[in-house]
PDB file of N, CA and C in Angstrom:
ATOM      1  N   MET A   1      -9.273  -3.616 -19.621  1.00  0.00           N
ATOM      2  CA  MET A   1      -9.684  -4.182 -18.352  1.00  0.00           C
ATOM      3  C   MET A   1      -9.395  -5.668 -18.320  1.00  0.00           C
ATOM      4  N   THR A   2      -9.581  -6.366 -19.429  1.00  0.00           N
ATOM      5  CA  THR A   2      -9.306  -7.790 -19.481  1.00  0.00           C
ATOM      6  C   THR A   2      -7.842  -8.042 -19.147  1.00  0.00           C
ATOM      7  N   ASP A   3      -6.964  -7.181 -19.630  1.00  0.00           N
ATOM      8  CA  ASP A   3      -5.544  -7.340 -19.347  1.00  0.00           C
ATOM      9  C   ASP A   3      -5.282  -7.267 -17.851  1.00  0.00           C
ATOM     10  N   CYS A   4      -5.919  -6.335 -17.149  1.00  0.00           N
ATOM     11  CA  CYS A   4      -5.767  -6.218 -15.696  1.00  0.00           C
ATOM     12  C   CYS A   4      -6.265  -7.476 -15.003  1.00  0.00           C
ATOM     13  N   ARG A   5      -7.405  -7.963 -15.433  1.00  0.00           N
ATOM     14  CA  ARG A   5      -7.958  -9.171 -14.820  1.00  0.00           C
ATOM     15  C   ARG A   5      -7.057 -10.369 -15.049  1.00  0.00           C
ATOM     16  N   THR A   6      -6.533 -10.497 -16.254  1.00  0.00           N
ATOM     17  CA  THR A   6      -5.628 -11.602 -16.554  1.00  0.00           C
ATOM     18  C   THR A   6      -4.387 -11.522 -15.681  1.00  0.00           C
ATOM     19  N   MET A   7      -3.841 -10.329 -15.555  1.00  0.00           N
ATOM     20  CA  MET A   7      -2.647 -10.151 -14.725  1.00  0.00           C
ATOM     21  C   MET A   7      -2.934 -10.487 -13.264  1.00  0.00           C
ATOM     22  N   LEU A   8      -4.082 -10.088 -12.771  1.00  0.00           N
ATOM     23  CA  LEU A   8      -4.435 -10.376 -11.384  1.00  0.00           C
ATOM     24  C   LEU A   8      -4.661 -11.870 -11.163  1.00  0.00           C
ATOM     25  N   GLU A   9      -5.263 -12.531 -12.136  1.00  0.00           N
ATOM     26  CA  GLU A   9      -5.525 -13.960 -12.000  1.00  0.00           C
ATOM     27  C   GLU A   9      -4.243 -14.779 -12.012  1.00  0.00           C
ATOM     28  N   THR A  10      -3.215 -14.281 -12.671  1.00  0.00           N
ATOM     29  CA  THR A  10      -1.962 -15.023 -12.751  1.00  0.00           C
ATOM     30  C   THR A  10      -0.944 -14.584 -11.701  1.00  0.00           C
ATOM     31  N   LEU A  11      -1.313 -13.634 -10.860  1.00  0.00           N
ATOM     32  CA  LEU A  11      -0.414 -13.144  -9.820  1.00  0.00           C
ATOM     33  C   LEU A  11      -0.148 -14.249  -8.802  1.00  0.00           C
ATOM     34  N   ARG A  12       1.105 -14.626  -8.623  1.00  0.00           N
ATOM     35  CA  ARG A  12       1.495 -15.658  -7.664  1.00  0.00           C
ATOM     36  C   ARG A  12       2.532 -15.077  -6.719  1.00  0.00           C
ATOM     37  N   ARG A  13       2.177 -15.036  -5.456  1.00  0.00           N
ATOM     38  CA  ARG A  13       3.067 -14.517  -4.431  1.00  0.00           C
ATOM     39  C   ARG A  13       3.088 -15.493  -3.262  1.00  0.00           C
ATOM     40  N   PRO A  14       4.104 -15.379  -2.390  1.00  0.00           N
ATOM     41  CA  PRO A  14       4.158 -16.274  -1.233  1.00  0.00           C
ATOM     42  C   PRO A  14       2.861 -16.208  -0.414  1.00  0.00           C
ATOM     43  N   ARG A  15       2.478 -17.358   0.070  1.00  0.00           N
ATOM     44  CA  ARG A  15       1.213 -17.485   0.800  1.00  0.00           C
ATOM     45  C   ARG A  15       1.122 -16.519   1.985  1.00  0.00           C
ATOM     46  N   LEU A  16       2.206 -16.364   2.720  1.00  0.00           N
ATOM     47  CA  LEU A  16       2.186 -15.482   3.884  1.00  0.00           C
ATOM     48  C   LEU A  16       1.931 -14.026   3.496  1.00  0.00           C
ATOM     49  N   LEU A  17       2.533 -13.573   2.402  1.00  0.00           N
ATOM     50  CA  LEU A  17       2.286 -12.206   1.920  1.00  0.00           C
ATOM     51  C   LEU A  17       0.809 -12.027   1.574  1.00  0.00           C
ATOM     52  N   MET A  18       0.257 -12.989   0.857  1.00  0.00           N
ATOM     53  CA  MET A  18      -1.143 -12.875   0.437  1.00  0.00           C
ATOM     54  C   MET A  18      -2.098 -12.967   1.624  1.00  0.00           C
ATOM     55  N   ARG A  19      -1.795 -13.821   2.580  1.00  0.00           N
ATOM     56  CA  ARG A  19      -2.648 -13.919   3.776  1.00  0.00           C
ATOM     57  C   ARG A  19      -2.637 -12.602   4.554  1.00  0.00           C
ATOM     58  N   ALA A  20      -1.460 -12.014   4.696  1.00  0.00           N
ATOM     59  CA  ALA A  20      -1.354 -10.729   5.395  1.00  0.00           C
ATOM     60  C   ALA A  20      -2.132  -9.653   4.652  1.00  0.00           C
ATOM     61  N   ALA A  21      -2.051  -9.662   3.324  1.00  0.00           N
ATOM     62  CA  ALA A  21      -2.770  -8.665   2.531  1.00  0.00           C
ATOM     63  C   ALA A  21      -4.279  -8.857   2.667  1.00  0.00           C
ATOM     64  N   ARG A  22      -4.742 -10.080   2.598  1.00  0.00           N
ATOM     65  CA  ARG A  22      -6.187 -10.333   2.753  1.00  0.00           C
ATOM     66  C   ARG A  22      -6.667  -9.901   4.136  1.00  0.00           C
ATOM     67  N   PHE A  23      -5.846 -10.150   5.149  1.00  0.00           N
ATOM     68  CA  PHE A  23      -6.192  -9.745   6.507  1.00  0.00           C
ATOM     69  C   PHE A  23      -6.321  -8.228   6.605  1.00  0.00           C
ATOM     70  N   GLY A  24      -5.462  -7.514   5.894  1.00  0.00           N
ATOM     71  CA  GLY A  24      -5.468  -6.057   5.941  1.00  0.00           C
ATOM     72  C   GLY A  24      -6.579  -5.402   5.151  1.00  0.00           C
ATOM     73  N   LEU A  25      -7.286  -6.154   4.324  1.00  0.00           N
ATOM     74  CA  LEU A  25      -8.375  -5.574   3.522  1.00  0.00           C
ATOM     75  C   LEU A  25      -9.433  -4.890   4.379  1.00  0.00           C
ATOM     76  N   ALA A  26      -9.686  -5.420   5.552  1.00  0.00           N
ATOM     77  CA  ALA A  26     -10.717  -4.852   6.421  1.00  0.00           C
ATOM     78  C   ALA A  26     -10.389  -3.422   6.852  1.00  0.00           C
ATOM     79  N   GLU A  27      -9.111  -3.095   6.927  1.00  0.00           N
ATOM     80  CA  GLU A  27      -8.689  -1.771   7.372  1.00  0.00           C
ATOM     81  C   GLU A  27      -8.408  -0.802   6.227  1.00  0.00           C
ATOM     82  N   TYR A  28      -8.498  -1.267   4.995  1.00  0.00           N
ATOM     83  CA  TYR A  28      -8.181  -0.429   3.835  1.00  0.00           C
ATOM     84  C   TYR A  28      -9.244   0.645   3.649  1.00  0.00           C
ATOM     85  N   ARG A  29      -8.790   1.880   3.487  1.00  0.00           N
ATOM     86  CA  ARG A  29      -9.669   3.009   3.192  1.00  0.00           C
ATOM     87  C   ARG A  29      -9.149   3.672   1.934  1.00  0.00           C
ATOM     88  N   ARG A  30      -9.918   3.591   0.893  1.00  0.00           N
ATOM     89  CA  ARG A  30      -9.497   4.064  -0.430  1.00  0.00           C
ATOM     90  C   ARG A  30      -9.028   5.521  -0.392  1.00  0.00           C
ATOM     91  N   GLU A  31      -9.806   6.389   0.234  1.00  0.00           N
ATOM     92  CA  GLU A  31      -9.484   7.817   0.262  1.00  0.00           C
ATOM     93  C   GLU A  31      -8.160   8.078   0.969  1.00  0.00           C
ATOM     94  N   ARG A  32      -7.877   7.333   2.008  1.00  0.00           N
ATOM     95  CA  ARG A  32      -6.679   7.538   2.817  1.00  0.00           C
ATOM     96  C   ARG A  32      -5.463   6.830   2.222  1.00  0.00           C
ATOM     97  N   ASP A  33      -5.625   5.596   1.805  1.00  0.00           N
ATOM     98  CA  ASP A  33      -4.481   4.752   1.463  1.00  0.00           C
ATOM     99  C   ASP A  33      -4.029   4.822   0.016  1.00  0.00           C
ATOM    100  N   LEU A  34      -4.948   5.044  -0.895  1.00  0.00           N
ATOM    101  CA  LEU A  34      -4.610   4.966  -2.303  1.00  0.00           C
ATOM    102  C   LEU A  34      -3.634   6.048  -2.747  1.00  0.00           C
ATOM    103  N   ARG A  35      -3.728   7.232  -2.167  1.00  0.00           N
ATOM    104  CA  ARG A  35      -2.873   8.342  -2.610  1.00  0.00           C
ATOM    105  C   ARG A  35      -1.388   8.096  -2.329  1.00  0.00           C
ATOM    106  N   ARG A  36      -1.063   7.129  -1.492  1.00  0.00           N
ATOM    107  CA  ARG A  36       0.346   6.797  -1.255  1.00  0.00           C
ATOM    108  C   ARG A  36       1.000   6.153  -2.468  1.00  0.00           C
ATOM    109  N   TYR A  37       0.188   5.529  -3.311  1.00  0.00           N
ATOM    110  CA  TYR A  37       0.734   4.722  -4.401  1.00  0.00           C
ATOM    111  C   TYR A  37       0.344   5.199  -5.795  1.00  0.00           C
ATOM    112  N   VAL A  38      -0.725   5.987  -5.907  1.00  0.00           N
ATOM    113  CA  VAL A  38      -1.202   6.458  -7.206  1.00  0.00           C
ATOM    114  C   VAL A  38      -1.387   7.960  -7.122  1.00  0.00           C
ATOM    115  N   GLU A  39      -0.835   8.663  -8.096  1.00  0.00           N
ATOM    116  CA  GLU A  39      -0.935  10.120  -8.109  1.00  0.00           C
ATOM    117  C   GLU A  39      -2.205  10.564  -8.825  1.00  0.00           C
ATOM    118  N   GLY A  40      -2.974  11.379  -8.157  1.00  0.00           N
ATOM    119  CA  GLY A  40      -4.161  11.978  -8.761  1.00  0.00           C
ATOM    120  C   GLY A  40      -5.278  10.993  -9.030  1.00  0.00           C
ATOM    121  N   PRO A  41      -6.438  11.518  -9.358  1.00  0.00           N
ATOM    122  CA  PRO A  41      -7.583  10.652  -9.664  1.00  0.00           C
ATOM    123  C   PRO A  41      -7.391   9.973 -11.021  1.00  0.00           C
ATOM    124  N   THR A  42      -7.605   8.678 -11.052  1.00  0.00           N
ATOM    125  CA  THR A  42      -7.493   7.910 -12.289  1.00  0.00           C
ATOM    126  C   THR A  42      -8.663   6.945 -12.390  1.00  0.00           C
ATOM    127  N   SER A  43      -8.824   6.356 -13.552  1.00  0.00           N
ATOM    128  CA  SER A  43      -9.872   5.352 -13.719  1.00  0.00           C
ATOM    129  C   SER A  43      -9.500   4.111 -12.907  1.00  0.00           C
ATOM    130  N   PRO A  44     -10.474   3.285 -12.556  1.00  0.00           N
ATOM    131  CA  PRO A  44     -10.163   2.062 -11.807  1.00  0.00           C
ATOM    132  C   PRO A  44      -9.152   1.168 -12.530  1.00  0.00           C
ATOM    133  N   GLU A  45      -9.255   1.077 -13.848  1.00  0.00           N
ATOM    134  CA  GLU A  45      -8.315   0.250 -14.612  1.00  0.00           C
ATOM    135  C   GLU A  45      -6.893   0.802 -14.511  1.00  0.00           C
ATOM    136  N   ASP A  46      -6.759   2.122 -14.630  1.00  0.00           N
ATOM    137  CA  ASP A  46      -5.438   2.748 -14.515  1.00  0.00           C
ATOM    138  C   ASP A  46      -4.873   2.594 -13.110  1.00  0.00           C
ATOM    139  N   THR A  47      -5.735   2.669 -12.121  1.00  0.00           N
ATOM    140  CA  THR A  47      -5.305   2.503 -10.739  1.00  0.00           C
ATOM    141  C   THR A  47      -4.737   1.109 -10.528  1.00  0.00           C
ATOM    142  N   VAL A  48      -5.456   0.101 -10.994  1.00  0.00           N
ATOM    143  CA  VAL A  48      -4.982  -1.282 -10.846  1.00  0.00           C
ATOM    144  C   VAL A  48      -3.676  -1.473 -11.609  1.00  0.00           C
ATOM    145  N   SER A  49      -3.586  -0.923 -12.801  1.00  0.00           N
ATOM    146  CA  SER A  49      -2.342  -1.038 -13.585  1.00  0.00           C
ATOM    147  C   SER A  49      -1.177  -0.382 -12.864  1.00  0.00           C
ATOM    148  N   SER A  50      -1.400   0.795 -12.296  1.00  0.00           N
ATOM    149  CA  SER A  50      -0.341   1.489 -11.557  1.00  0.00           C
ATOM    150  C   SER A  50       0.103   0.681 -10.346  1.00  0.00           C
ATOM    151  N   LEU A  51      -0.871   0.142  -9.627  1.00  0.00           N
ATOM    152  CA  LEU A  51      -0.538  -0.679  -8.455  1.00  0.00           C
ATOM    153  C   LEU A  51       0.199  -1.949  -8.860  1.00  0.00           C
ATOM    154  N   MET A  52      -0.168  -2.524  -9.994  1.00  0.00           N
ATOM    155  CA  MET A  52       0.529  -3.717 -10.477  1.00  0.00           C
ATOM    156  C   MET A  52       1.992  -3.389 -10.777  1.00  0.00           C
ATOM    157  N   SER A  53       2.249  -2.213 -11.321  1.00  0.00           N
ATOM    158  CA  SER A  53       3.626  -1.800 -11.611  1.00  0.00           C
ATOM    159  C   SER A  53       4.429  -1.628 -10.326  1.00  0.00           C
ATOM    160  N   VAL A  54       3.832  -0.969  -9.345  1.00  0.00           N
ATOM    161  CA  VAL A  54       4.502  -0.774  -8.059  1.00  0.00           C
ATOM    162  C   VAL A  54       4.785  -2.128  -7.419  1.00  0.00           C
ATOM    163  N   GLU A  55       3.799  -3.012  -7.454  1.00  0.00           N
ATOM    164  CA  GLU A  55       3.954  -4.329  -6.840  1.00  0.00           C
ATOM    165  C   GLU A  55       5.018  -5.154  -7.570  1.00  0.00           C
ATOM    166  N   ALA A  56       5.075  -5.060  -8.883  1.00  0.00           N
ATOM    167  CA  ALA A  56       6.075  -5.806  -9.650  1.00  0.00           C
ATOM    168  C   ALA A  56       7.495  -5.362  -9.279  1.00  0.00           C
ATOM    169  N   ARG A  57       7.672  -4.055  -9.071  1.00  0.00           N
ATOM    170  CA  ARG A  57       8.993  -3.558  -8.655  1.00  0.00           C
ATOM    171  C   ARG A  57       9.351  -4.092  -7.262  1.00  0.00           C
ATOM    172  N   LEU A  58       8.368  -4.101  -6.362  1.00  0.00           N
ATOM    173  CA  LEU A  58       8.616  -4.638  -5.020  1.00  0.00           C
ATOM    174  C   LEU A  58       8.940  -6.126  -5.074  1.00  0.00           C
ATOM    175  N   GLU A  59       8.239  -6.866  -5.908  1.00  0.00           N
ATOM    176  CA  GLU A  59       8.485  -8.300  -6.046  1.00  0.00           C
ATOM    177  C   GLU A  59       9.891  -8.556  -6.597  1.00  0.00           C
ATOM    178  N   ALA A  60      10.302  -7.765  -7.574  1.00  0.00           N
ATOM    179  CA  ALA A  60      11.648  -7.912  -8.120  1.00  0.00           C
ATOM    180  C   ALA A  60      12.699  -7.640  -7.046  1.00  0.00           C
ATOM    181  N   THR A  61      12.443  -6.634  -6.232  1.00  0.00           N
ATOM    182  CA  THR A  61      13.357  -6.313  -5.134  1.00  0.00           C
ATOM    183  C   THR A  61      13.405  -7.454  -4.123  1.00  0.00           C
ATOM    184  N   ARG A  62      12.256  -8.026  -3.825  1.00  0.00           N
ATOM    185  CA  ARG A  62      12.184  -9.159  -2.885  1.00  0.00           C
ATOM    186  C   ARG A  62      12.970 -10.353  -3.414  1.00  0.00           C
ATOM    187  N   ILE A  63      12.770 -10.672  -4.675  1.00  0.00           N
ATOM    188  CA  ILE A  63      13.416 -11.846  -5.265  1.00  0.00           C
ATOM    189  C   ILE A  63      14.936 -11.699  -5.308  1.00  0.00           C
ATOM    190  N   THR A  64      15.418 -10.494  -5.581  1.00  0.00           N
ATOM    191  CA  THR A  64      16.867 -10.285  -5.641  1.00  0.00           C
ATOM    192  C   THR A  64      17.515 -10.241  -4.264  1.00  0.00           C
ATOM    193  N   GLY A  65      16.707 -10.129  -3.219  1.00  0.00           N
ATOM    194  CA  GLY A  65      17.253 -10.084  -1.865  1.00  0.00           C
ATOM    195  C   GLY A  65      17.855  -8.737  -1.506  1.00  0.00           C
ATOM    196  N   ASP A  66      17.430  -7.700  -2.194  1.00  0.00           N
ATOM    197  CA  ASP A  66      17.930  -6.350  -1.960  1.00  0.00           C
ATOM    198  C   ASP A  66      17.593  -5.906  -0.534  1.00  0.00           C
ATOM    199  N   ALA A  67      18.556  -5.278   0.113  1.00  0.00           N
ATOM    200  CA  ALA A  67      18.357  -4.807   1.483  1.00  0.00           C
ATOM    201  C   ALA A  67      17.314  -3.695   1.566  1.00  0.00           C
ATOM    202  N   ALA A  68      17.005  -3.056   0.455  1.00  0.00           N
ATOM    203  CA  ALA A  68      16.016  -1.975   0.442  1.00  0.00           C
ATOM    204  C   ALA A  68      14.586  -2.501   0.455  1.00  0.00           C
ATOM    205  N   TYR A  69      14.416  -3.814   0.340  1.00  0.00           N
ATOM    206  CA  TYR A  69      13.064  -4.392   0.312  1.00  0.00           C
ATOM    207  C   TYR A  69      12.368  -4.186   1.648  1.00  0.00           C
ATOM    208  N   SER A  70      11.091  -3.759   1.560  1.00  0.00           N
ATOM    209  CA  SER A  70      10.272  -3.569   2.751  1.00  0.00           C
ATOM    210  C   SER A  70       9.045  -4.471   2.648  1.00  0.00           C
ATOM    211  N   VAL A  71       8.998  -5.478   3.510  1.00  0.00           N
ATOM    212  CA  VAL A  71       7.858  -6.386   3.490  1.00  0.00           C
ATOM    213  C   VAL A  71       6.575  -5.636   3.866  1.00  0.00           C
ATOM    214  N   ALA A  72       6.666  -4.673   4.755  1.00  0.00           N
ATOM    215  CA  ALA A  72       5.488  -3.899   5.152  1.00  0.00           C
ATOM    216  C   ALA A  72       4.927  -3.126   3.964  1.00  0.00           C
ATOM    217  N   ARG A  73       5.782  -2.496   3.207  1.00  0.00           N
ATOM    218  CA  ARG A  73       5.327  -1.743   2.020  1.00  0.00           C
ATOM    219  C   ARG A  73       4.732  -2.697   0.992  1.00  0.00           C
ATOM    220  N   HIS A  74       5.347  -3.866   0.815  1.00  0.00           N
ATOM    221  CA  HIS A  74       4.832  -4.836  -0.142  1.00  0.00           C
ATOM    222  C   HIS A  74       3.417  -5.264   0.258  1.00  0.00           C
ATOM    223  N   ILE A  75       3.217  -5.515   1.532  1.00  0.00           N
ATOM    224  CA  ILE A  75       1.885  -5.902   2.006  1.00  0.00           C
ATOM    225  C   ILE A  75       0.891  -4.764   1.809  1.00  0.00           C
ATOM    226  N   GLU A  76       1.296  -3.540   2.091  1.00  0.00           N
ATOM    227  CA  GLU A  76       0.412  -2.387   1.891  1.00  0.00           C
ATOM    228  C   GLU A  76      -0.022  -2.265   0.433  1.00  0.00           C
ATOM    229  N   VAL A  77       0.924  -2.469  -0.476  1.00  0.00           N
ATOM    230  CA  VAL A  77       0.601  -2.376  -1.900  1.00  0.00           C
ATOM    231  C   VAL A  77      -0.314  -3.531  -2.313  1.00  0.00           C
ATOM    232  N   LEU A  78      -0.054  -4.730  -1.795  1.00  0.00           N
ATOM    233  CA  LEU A  78      -0.928  -5.869  -2.102  1.00  0.00           C
ATOM    234  C   LEU A  78      -2.342  -5.641  -1.564  1.00  0.00           C
ATOM    235  N   ILE A  79      -2.453  -5.048  -0.383  1.00  0.00           N
ATOM    236  CA  ILE A  79      -3.776  -4.718   0.171  1.00  0.00           C
ATOM    237  C   ILE A  79      -4.499  -3.773  -0.776  1.00  0.00           C
ATOM    238  N   ALA A  80      -3.824  -2.717  -1.184  1.00  0.00           N
ATOM    239  CA  ALA A  80      -4.429  -1.748  -2.106  1.00  0.00           C
ATOM    240  C   ALA A  80      -4.803  -2.413  -3.421  1.00  0.00           C
ATOM    241  N   LEU A  81      -3.940  -3.270  -3.924  1.00  0.00           N
ATOM    242  CA  LEU A  81      -4.200  -3.953  -5.186  1.00  0.00           C
ATOM    243  C   LEU A  81      -5.421  -4.866  -5.081  1.00  0.00           C
ATOM    244  N   LEU A  82      -5.503  -5.645  -4.016  1.00  0.00           N
ATOM    245  CA  LEU A  82      -6.664  -6.520  -3.828  1.00  0.00           C
ATOM    246  C   LEU A  82      -7.950  -5.714  -3.662  1.00  0.00           C
ATOM    247  N   ALA A  83      -7.880  -4.637  -2.884  1.00  0.00           N
ATOM    248  CA  ALA A  83      -9.066  -3.804  -2.659  1.00  0.00           C
ATOM    249  C   ALA A  83      -9.513  -3.123  -3.947  1.00  0.00           C
ATOM    250  N   GLU A  84      -8.575  -2.606  -4.712  1.00  0.00           N
ATOM    251  CA  GLU A  84      -8.934  -1.946  -5.964  1.00  0.00           C
ATOM    252  C   GLU A  84      -9.447  -2.945  -6.999  1.00  0.00           C
ATOM    253  N   ALA A  85      -8.936  -4.161  -6.975  1.00  0.00           N
ATOM    254  CA  ALA A  85      -9.460  -5.200  -7.869  1.00  0.00           C
ATOM    255  C   ALA A  85     -10.911  -5.518  -7.512  1.00  0.00           C
ATOM    256  N   GLN A  86     -11.210  -5.574  -6.229  1.00  0.00           N
ATOM    257  CA  GLN A  86     -12.602  -5.776  -5.802  1.00  0.00           C
ATOM    258  C   GLN A  86     -13.465  -4.602  -6.251  1.00  0.00           C
ATOM    259  N   PHE A  87     -12.946  -3.404  -6.080  1.00  0.00           N
ATOM    260  CA  PHE A  87     -13.657  -2.196  -6.505  1.00  0.00           C
ATOM    261  C   PHE A  87     -13.942  -2.249  -8.007  1.00  0.00           C
ATOM    262  N   LEU A  88     -12.972  -2.684  -8.774  1.00  0.00           N
ATOM    263  CA  LEU A  88     -13.115  -2.796 -10.226  1.00  0.00           C
ATOM    264  C   LEU A  88     -14.155  -3.851 -10.600  1.00  0.00           C
ATOM    265  N   ARG A  89     -14.136  -4.974  -9.912  1.00  0.00           N
ATOM    266  CA  ARG A  89     -15.127  -6.041 -10.175  1.00  0.00           C
ATOM    267  C   ARG A  89     -16.545  -5.587  -9.877  1.00  0.00           C
ATOM    268  N   ARG A  90     -16.697  -4.726  -8.865  1.00  0.00           N
ATOM    269  CA  ARG A  90     -18.022  -4.196  -8.522  1.00  0.00           C
ATOM    270  C   ARG A  90     -18.462  -3.121  -9.494  1.00  0.00           C
ATOM    271  N   GLY A  91     -17.618  -2.799 -10.440  1.00  0.00           N
ATOM    272  CA  GLY A  91     -17.975  -1.783 -11.429  1.00  0.00           C
ATOM    273  C   GLY A  91     -17.493  -0.395 -11.081  1.00  0.00           C
ATOM    274  N   GLY A  92     -16.596  -0.289 -10.107  1.00  0.00           N
ATOM    275  CA  GLY A  92     -16.028   1.011  -9.744  1.00  0.00           C
ATOM    276  C   GLY A  92     -16.997   1.882  -8.986  1.00  0.00           C
ATOM    277  N   LEU A  93     -17.965   1.280  -8.330  1.00  0.00           N
ATOM    278  CA  LEU A  93     -18.953   2.057  -7.561  1.00  0.00           C
ATOM    279  C   LEU A  93     -18.520   2.109  -6.115  1.00  0.00           C
ATOM    280  N   ALA A  94     -18.343   3.294  -5.601  1.00  0.00           N
ATOM    281  CA  ALA A  94     -17.917   3.436  -4.206  1.00  0.00           C
ATOM    282  C   ALA A  94     -19.129   3.597  -3.307  1.00  0.00           C
TER     283      ALA A  94
END
């Protein structure tokens, strides 16, 4: 879990991406949205790790300027990542 927290604390993304993700937190629904990015039920730590992997791939795509990059998908993943990090900090209690 410490590794996840360290990774989240050092996550640096463009301000506009992060602002959009924070704005979207209000609409995030774990039951509806999480299954798009994580397969099956997992522990909160595994969920955050999986989302970090998905987000890292999107960030690499963004940095390279690949035409396949989707800013909307990146924001959706950041929303899920921020929401799941909050869930993890609360002790994984829904």
